[in-house]
Amino acid sequence: MDKIEVGDVLLMEDENGQDQELEVLATAEIEGKQYAAVSFSEEIEKETTEEIELFFLRVEEDGELSEIENDEEFEEVTSAFESQIG
């Protein structure tokens, strides 16, 4: 997999085995690890004032994406992305 960049659209399988399109909204490097902030493409395309669900994924060395399962890592990543926006 190539480098993940803002605007990329990715397919990920959900817990029901269905493919979901996710769009990369931001990327960050934190302590030498790459992360991506993503949301469902369908939600992004809707013209609405409602908030969209945002997910943070770790980009592994092989380019694959994985969920952040450690609370401490999740808080660190959340803070880093919030500081980029704010």
N, C-alpha and C. Protein backbone atom coordinates (compact mmCIF):
# COMPACT_ATOMS: atom_id res chain seq x y z
N MET A 1 0.85 -1.18 0.00
CA MET A 1 0.00 0.00 0.00
C MET A 1 0.89 1.24 0.00
N ASP A 2 0.52 2.25 -0.80
CA ASP A 2 1.27 3.49 -0.85
C ASP A 2 1.03 4.30 0.41
N LYS A 3 1.76 5.40 0.51
CA LYS A 3 1.60 6.30 1.65
C LYS A 3 0.16 6.81 1.71
N ILE A 4 -0.41 6.87 2.91
CA ILE A 4 -1.76 7.37 3.12
C ILE A 4 -1.72 8.90 3.10
N GLU A 5 -2.62 9.50 2.31
CA GLU A 5 -2.66 10.96 2.20
C GLU A 5 -4.08 11.46 2.36
N VAL A 6 -4.21 12.73 2.77
CA VAL A 6 -5.52 13.36 2.91
C VAL A 6 -6.25 13.28 1.57
N GLY A 7 -7.52 12.88 1.63
CA GLY A 7 -8.34 12.75 0.43
C GLY A 7 -8.42 11.35 -0.12
N ASP A 8 -7.52 10.46 0.34
CA ASP A 8 -7.58 9.06 -0.10
C ASP A 8 -8.89 8.43 0.37
N VAL A 9 -9.44 7.57 -0.46
CA VAL A 9 -10.64 6.81 -0.09
C VAL A 9 -10.21 5.35 0.04
N LEU A 10 -10.51 4.77 1.20
CA LEU A 10 -10.08 3.41 1.52
C LEU A 10 -11.29 2.52 1.75
N LEU A 11 -11.14 1.26 1.47
CA LEU A 11 -12.19 0.28 1.78
C LEU A 11 -11.75 -0.52 3.00
N MET A 12 -12.64 -0.59 3.99
CA MET A 12 -12.37 -1.41 5.17
C MET A 12 -13.60 -2.25 5.44
N GLU A 13 -13.37 -3.47 5.88
CA GLU A 13 -14.47 -4.37 6.18
C GLU A 13 -14.96 -4.12 7.61
N ASP A 14 -16.29 -3.96 7.77
CA ASP A 14 -16.84 -3.74 9.10
C ASP A 14 -17.10 -5.08 9.80
N GLU A 15 -17.65 -5.01 11.02
CA GLU A 15 -17.86 -6.23 11.80
C GLU A 15 -18.87 -7.17 11.18
N ASN A 16 -19.66 -6.69 10.20
CA ASN A 16 -20.64 -7.53 9.51
C ASN A 16 -20.12 -8.08 8.19
N GLY A 17 -18.84 -7.82 7.90
CA GLY A 17 -18.26 -8.31 6.66
C GLY A 17 -18.56 -7.45 5.45
N GLN A 18 -19.15 -6.28 5.67
CA GLN A 18 -19.48 -5.36 4.58
C GLN A 18 -18.35 -4.35 4.38
N ASP A 19 -18.03 -4.07 3.12
CA ASP A 19 -17.02 -3.05 2.83
C ASP A 19 -17.60 -1.67 3.07
N GLN A 20 -16.83 -0.83 3.73
CA GLN A 20 -17.22 0.55 4.00
C GLN A 20 -16.14 1.47 3.41
N GLU A 21 -16.57 2.54 2.72
CA GLU A 21 -15.62 3.53 2.20
C GLU A 21 -15.31 4.53 3.29
N LEU A 22 -14.02 4.72 3.53
CA LEU A 22 -13.55 5.71 4.49
C LEU A 22 -12.68 6.72 3.76
N GLU A 23 -12.86 8.00 4.08
CA GLU A 23 -12.03 9.04 3.48
C GLU A 23 -11.06 9.56 4.53
N VAL A 24 -9.81 9.74 4.11
CA VAL A 24 -8.77 10.26 5.00
C VAL A 24 -8.94 11.77 5.09
N LEU A 25 -9.16 12.27 6.32
CA LEU A 25 -9.36 13.69 6.54
C LEU A 25 -8.10 14.39 7.03
N ALA A 26 -7.22 13.65 7.68
CA ALA A 26 -5.97 14.22 8.18
C ALA A 26 -5.00 13.08 8.47
N THR A 27 -3.73 13.41 8.49
CA THR A 27 -2.70 12.45 8.87
C THR A 27 -1.76 13.13 9.87
N ALA A 28 -1.08 12.32 10.65
CA ALA A 28 -0.12 12.85 11.62
C ALA A 28 0.92 11.79 11.94
N GLU A 29 2.11 12.26 12.30
CA GLU A 29 3.14 11.37 12.80
C GLU A 29 3.33 11.69 14.28
N ILE A 30 3.18 10.67 15.11
CA ILE A 30 3.28 10.84 16.55
C ILE A 30 4.25 9.80 17.08
N GLU A 31 5.33 10.28 17.68
CA GLU A 31 6.36 9.39 18.22
C GLU A 31 6.82 8.35 17.21
N GLY A 32 7.01 8.79 15.97
CA GLY A 32 7.53 7.92 14.93
C GLY A 32 6.51 7.00 14.27
N LYS A 33 5.25 7.09 14.69
CA LYS A 33 4.20 6.26 14.10
C LYS A 33 3.26 7.14 13.30
N GLN A 34 2.75 6.61 12.19
CA GLN A 34 1.81 7.33 11.34
C GLN A 34 0.39 7.01 11.74
N TYR A 35 -0.48 8.03 11.72
CA TYR A 35 -1.90 7.87 12.03
C TYR A 35 -2.73 8.59 10.98
N ALA A 36 -3.96 8.13 10.81
CA ALA A 36 -4.90 8.77 9.90
C ALA A 36 -6.22 8.99 10.61
N ALA A 37 -6.80 10.18 10.41
CA ALA A 37 -8.16 10.46 10.89
C ALA A 37 -9.07 10.23 9.70
N VAL A 38 -10.06 9.36 9.85
CA VAL A 38 -10.93 8.99 8.74
C VAL A 38 -12.39 9.08 9.16
N SER A 39 -13.27 9.16 8.17
CA SER A 39 -14.71 9.11 8.40
C SER A 39 -15.35 8.41 7.22
N PHE A 40 -16.60 7.98 7.41
CA PHE A 40 -17.32 7.32 6.32
C PHE A 40 -17.55 8.31 5.19
N SER A 41 -17.19 7.92 3.97
CA SER A 41 -17.36 8.79 2.80
C SER A 41 -18.80 9.26 2.65
N GLU A 42 -19.73 8.36 2.92
CA GLU A 42 -21.15 8.68 2.79
C GLU A 42 -21.55 9.84 3.71
N GLU A 43 -21.03 9.86 4.94
CA GLU A 43 -21.34 10.93 5.88
C GLU A 43 -20.72 12.26 5.44
N ILE A 44 -19.52 12.20 4.88
CA ILE A 44 -18.82 13.41 4.45
C ILE A 44 -19.55 14.06 3.28
N GLU A 45 -20.08 13.23 2.38
CA GLU A 45 -20.74 13.75 1.18
C GLU A 45 -22.08 14.41 1.47
N LYS A 46 -22.71 14.07 2.59
CA LYS A 46 -24.00 14.68 2.94
C LYS A 46 -23.79 16.14 3.30
N GLU A 47 -24.67 17.01 2.80
CA GLU A 47 -24.62 18.41 3.20
C GLU A 47 -25.49 18.56 4.43
N THR A 48 -24.85 18.60 5.59
CA THR A 48 -25.57 18.66 6.84
C THR A 48 -24.74 19.40 7.87
N THR A 49 -25.41 19.87 8.89
CA THR A 49 -24.70 20.54 9.98
C THR A 49 -24.44 19.57 11.13
N GLU A 50 -24.87 18.32 10.96
CA GLU A 50 -24.64 17.31 11.98
C GLU A 50 -23.16 16.92 12.01
N GLU A 51 -22.72 16.51 13.19
CA GLU A 51 -21.34 16.05 13.32
C GLU A 51 -21.17 14.71 12.64
N ILE A 52 -19.97 14.46 12.13
CA ILE A 52 -19.67 13.18 11.53
C ILE A 52 -18.83 12.35 12.50
N GLU A 53 -18.92 11.04 12.35
CA GLU A 53 -18.09 10.16 13.18
C GLU A 53 -16.67 10.20 12.64
N LEU A 54 -15.73 10.34 13.54
CA LEU A 54 -14.32 10.40 13.18
C LEU A 54 -13.60 9.24 13.85
N PHE A 55 -12.76 8.56 13.10
CA PHE A 55 -12.01 7.42 13.61
C PHE A 55 -10.52 7.69 13.41
N PHE A 56 -9.72 7.23 14.34
CA PHE A 56 -8.26 7.33 14.22
C PHE A 56 -7.72 5.93 14.01
N LEU A 57 -6.90 5.77 12.98
CA LEU A 57 -6.30 4.49 12.67
C LEU A 57 -4.79 4.63 12.62
N ARG A 58 -4.09 3.60 13.05
CA ARG A 58 -2.63 3.57 12.97
C ARG A 58 -2.24 2.98 11.62
N VAL A 59 -1.26 3.60 10.97
CA VAL A 59 -0.74 3.09 9.71
C VAL A 59 0.48 2.23 10.06
N GLU A 60 0.37 0.94 9.82
CA GLU A 60 1.46 0.01 10.17
C GLU A 60 2.60 0.15 9.17
N GLU A 61 3.75 -0.42 9.51
CA GLU A 61 4.93 -0.33 8.65
C GLU A 61 4.68 -0.87 7.25
N ASP A 62 3.81 -1.87 7.14
CA ASP A 62 3.52 -2.46 5.83
C ASP A 62 2.44 -1.67 5.07
N GLY A 63 1.97 -0.54 5.68
CA GLY A 63 0.98 0.30 5.03
C GLY A 63 -0.46 -0.06 5.36
N GLU A 64 -0.65 -1.18 6.07
CA GLU A 64 -2.00 -1.58 6.47
C GLU A 64 -2.48 -0.69 7.61
N LEU A 65 -3.80 -0.56 7.73
CA LEU A 65 -4.40 0.24 8.79
C LEU A 65 -4.89 -0.67 9.90
N SER A 66 -4.75 -0.20 11.14
CA SER A 66 -5.26 -0.97 12.27
C SER A 66 -5.90 -0.03 13.28
N GLU A 67 -6.85 -0.59 14.02
CA GLU A 67 -7.52 0.18 15.06
C GLU A 67 -6.57 0.43 16.22
N ILE A 68 -6.78 1.53 16.92
CA ILE A 68 -6.03 1.82 18.13
C ILE A 68 -6.79 1.18 19.28
N GLU A 69 -6.19 0.23 19.95
CA GLU A 69 -6.89 -0.50 21.00
C GLU A 69 -6.44 -0.11 22.40
N ASN A 70 -5.39 0.66 22.51
CA ASN A 70 -4.84 1.08 23.79
C ASN A 70 -5.38 2.47 24.14
N ASP A 71 -6.02 2.61 25.31
CA ASP A 71 -6.62 3.90 25.70
C ASP A 71 -5.61 5.03 25.76
N GLU A 72 -4.43 4.76 26.28
CA GLU A 72 -3.40 5.78 26.39
C GLU A 72 -2.97 6.28 25.00
N GLU A 73 -2.76 5.35 24.08
CA GLU A 73 -2.39 5.71 22.71
C GLU A 73 -3.52 6.50 22.05
N PHE A 74 -4.77 6.06 22.27
CA PHE A 74 -5.92 6.76 21.69
C PHE A 74 -5.98 8.21 22.18
N GLU A 75 -5.81 8.42 23.47
CA GLU A 75 -5.85 9.78 24.03
C GLU A 75 -4.73 10.65 23.44
N GLU A 76 -3.56 10.07 23.29
CA GLU A 76 -2.42 10.80 22.73
C GLU A 76 -2.69 11.21 21.28
N VAL A 77 -3.24 10.29 20.51
CA VAL A 77 -3.55 10.56 19.10
C VAL A 77 -4.67 11.60 18.99
N THR A 78 -5.70 11.47 19.81
CA THR A 78 -6.78 12.43 19.83
C THR A 78 -6.27 13.84 20.11
N SER A 79 -5.44 13.97 21.12
CA SER A 79 -4.87 15.27 21.48
C SER A 79 -4.04 15.86 20.35
N ALA A 80 -3.25 15.01 19.71
CA ALA A 80 -2.41 15.49 18.60
C ALA A 80 -3.24 16.01 17.43
N PHE A 81 -4.30 15.29 17.08
CA PHE A 81 -5.16 15.75 15.98
C PHE A 81 -5.93 17.00 16.38
N GLU A 82 -6.39 17.09 17.62
CA GLU A 82 -7.10 18.28 18.08
C GLU A 82 -6.20 19.51 18.03
N SER A 83 -4.92 19.35 18.36
CA SER A 83 -4.00 20.49 18.32
C SER A 83 -3.72 20.93 16.89
N GLN A 84 -3.82 20.00 15.92
CA GLN A 84 -3.67 20.37 14.50
C GLN A 84 -4.82 21.25 14.05
N ILE A 85 -6.02 20.95 14.55
CA ILE A 85 -7.22 21.67 14.11
C ILE A 85 -7.34 23.01 14.81
N GLY A 86 -7.08 23.00 16.11
CA GLY A 86 -7.34 24.16 16.94
C GLY A 86 -6.25 25.13 17.00
